[in-house]
Protein backbone atom coordinates (compact mmCIF):
# COMPACT_ATOMS: atom_id res chain seq x y z
CA MET A 1 130.98 142.87 107.94
CA THR A 2 127.17 141.96 106.95
CA GLN A 3 124.38 140.75 109.39
CA ILE A 4 121.81 138.68 107.79
CA THR A 5 118.82 137.27 109.36
CA ILE A 6 117.07 134.48 108.49
CA TYR A 7 114.17 132.02 109.69
CA ILE A 8 114.57 128.60 109.36
CA ASP A 9 112.12 125.82 111.01
CA ASP A 10 113.99 123.86 114.41
CA GLU A 11 115.00 120.91 112.85
CA THR A 12 117.11 122.80 110.74
CA GLY A 13 118.30 124.34 113.37
CA ALA A 14 119.44 122.18 114.87
CA ARG A 15 121.25 120.29 112.43
CA THR A 16 122.79 123.13 111.26
CA ARG A 17 123.82 124.16 114.72
CA ALA A 18 125.19 119.90 114.81
CA ALA A 19 126.94 120.33 111.69
CA ALA A 20 128.62 123.75 112.66
CA GLN A 21 129.80 121.75 116.33
CA ALA A 22 130.69 118.73 114.22
CA ALA A 23 133.18 120.60 112.11
CA GLY A 24 134.65 122.74 115.37
CA VAL A 25 133.81 126.28 114.09
CA SER A 26 130.99 128.76 115.31
CA LEU A 27 127.60 128.43 113.32
CA SER A 28 128.21 131.90 111.44
CA ARG A 29 131.42 130.86 110.48
CA TRP A 30 129.87 127.11 109.32
CA ILE A 31 126.87 129.44 107.58
CA GLY A 32 129.39 131.37 105.55
CA THR A 33 131.71 128.85 104.12
CA VAL A 34 128.65 126.59 102.94
CA LEU A 35 127.02 129.99 101.45
CA ARG A 36 131.01 130.42 99.96
CA SER A 37 130.42 127.35 98.43
CA ARG A 38 127.54 128.07 96.87
CA VAL A 39 128.05 131.58 95.74
CA GLY A 40 131.80 131.63 95.68
CA SER A 41 134.17 133.62 93.34
CA ALA A 42 132.64 131.99 89.75
CA TRP A 43 132.38 133.92 86.80
CA PRO A 44 128.18 134.68 86.01
CA ALA A 45 127.36 132.25 83.65
CA ASP A 46 127.25 135.11 80.74
CA VAL A 47 131.02 136.05 81.17
CA ALA A 48 131.96 132.44 81.75
CA ALA A 49 130.44 131.80 77.99
CA LEU A 50 132.96 134.05 76.38
CA GLU A 51 135.74 131.65 77.24
CA GLY A 52 137.56 130.56 74.14
CA SER A 53 135.61 133.10 72.10
CA TRP A 54 139.01 135.35 71.53
CA LYS A 55 141.59 133.81 69.06
CA ARG A 56 145.17 134.16 69.71
CA ARG A 57 147.17 137.42 68.11
CA ASP A 58 150.13 135.21 66.52
CA ASP A 59 151.22 139.44 65.16
CA ALA A 60 152.03 140.75 69.31
CA PRO A 61 154.54 138.77 70.13
CA GLU A 62 155.56 141.62 72.97
CA HIS A 63 153.11 140.18 74.86
CA ASP A 64 155.00 136.91 75.18
CA ALA A 65 158.50 138.78 75.99
CA PRO A 66 159.94 137.96 79.24
CA ALA A 67 160.02 140.30 81.91
CA GLY A 68 162.61 142.66 82.08
CA THR A 69 164.57 143.24 85.28
CA ASP A 70 162.92 145.06 88.37
CA LEU A 71 164.24 148.77 89.18
CA PRO A 72 165.89 148.62 92.47
CA ARG A 73 163.55 149.80 95.57
CA GLU A 74 163.47 153.09 97.57
CA PRO A 75 164.36 153.34 100.57
CA LEU A 76 161.32 154.03 102.99
């Protein structure tokens, strides 16, 4: 887990601690949640811009074939 040191003004610190307490979580968890919501797992803009740029290949029906039967598992 990464540790980050930040410096914020006293009012922002107090409001942040109050928000974490109101949410019933630690300050670190609250800040982590806020950061994830801002930088989360979204695709970068240049990758997202590629959406829909590839046409479907109708000449490759094997991609649409149903999956076969699974093989039996080996005993552990």
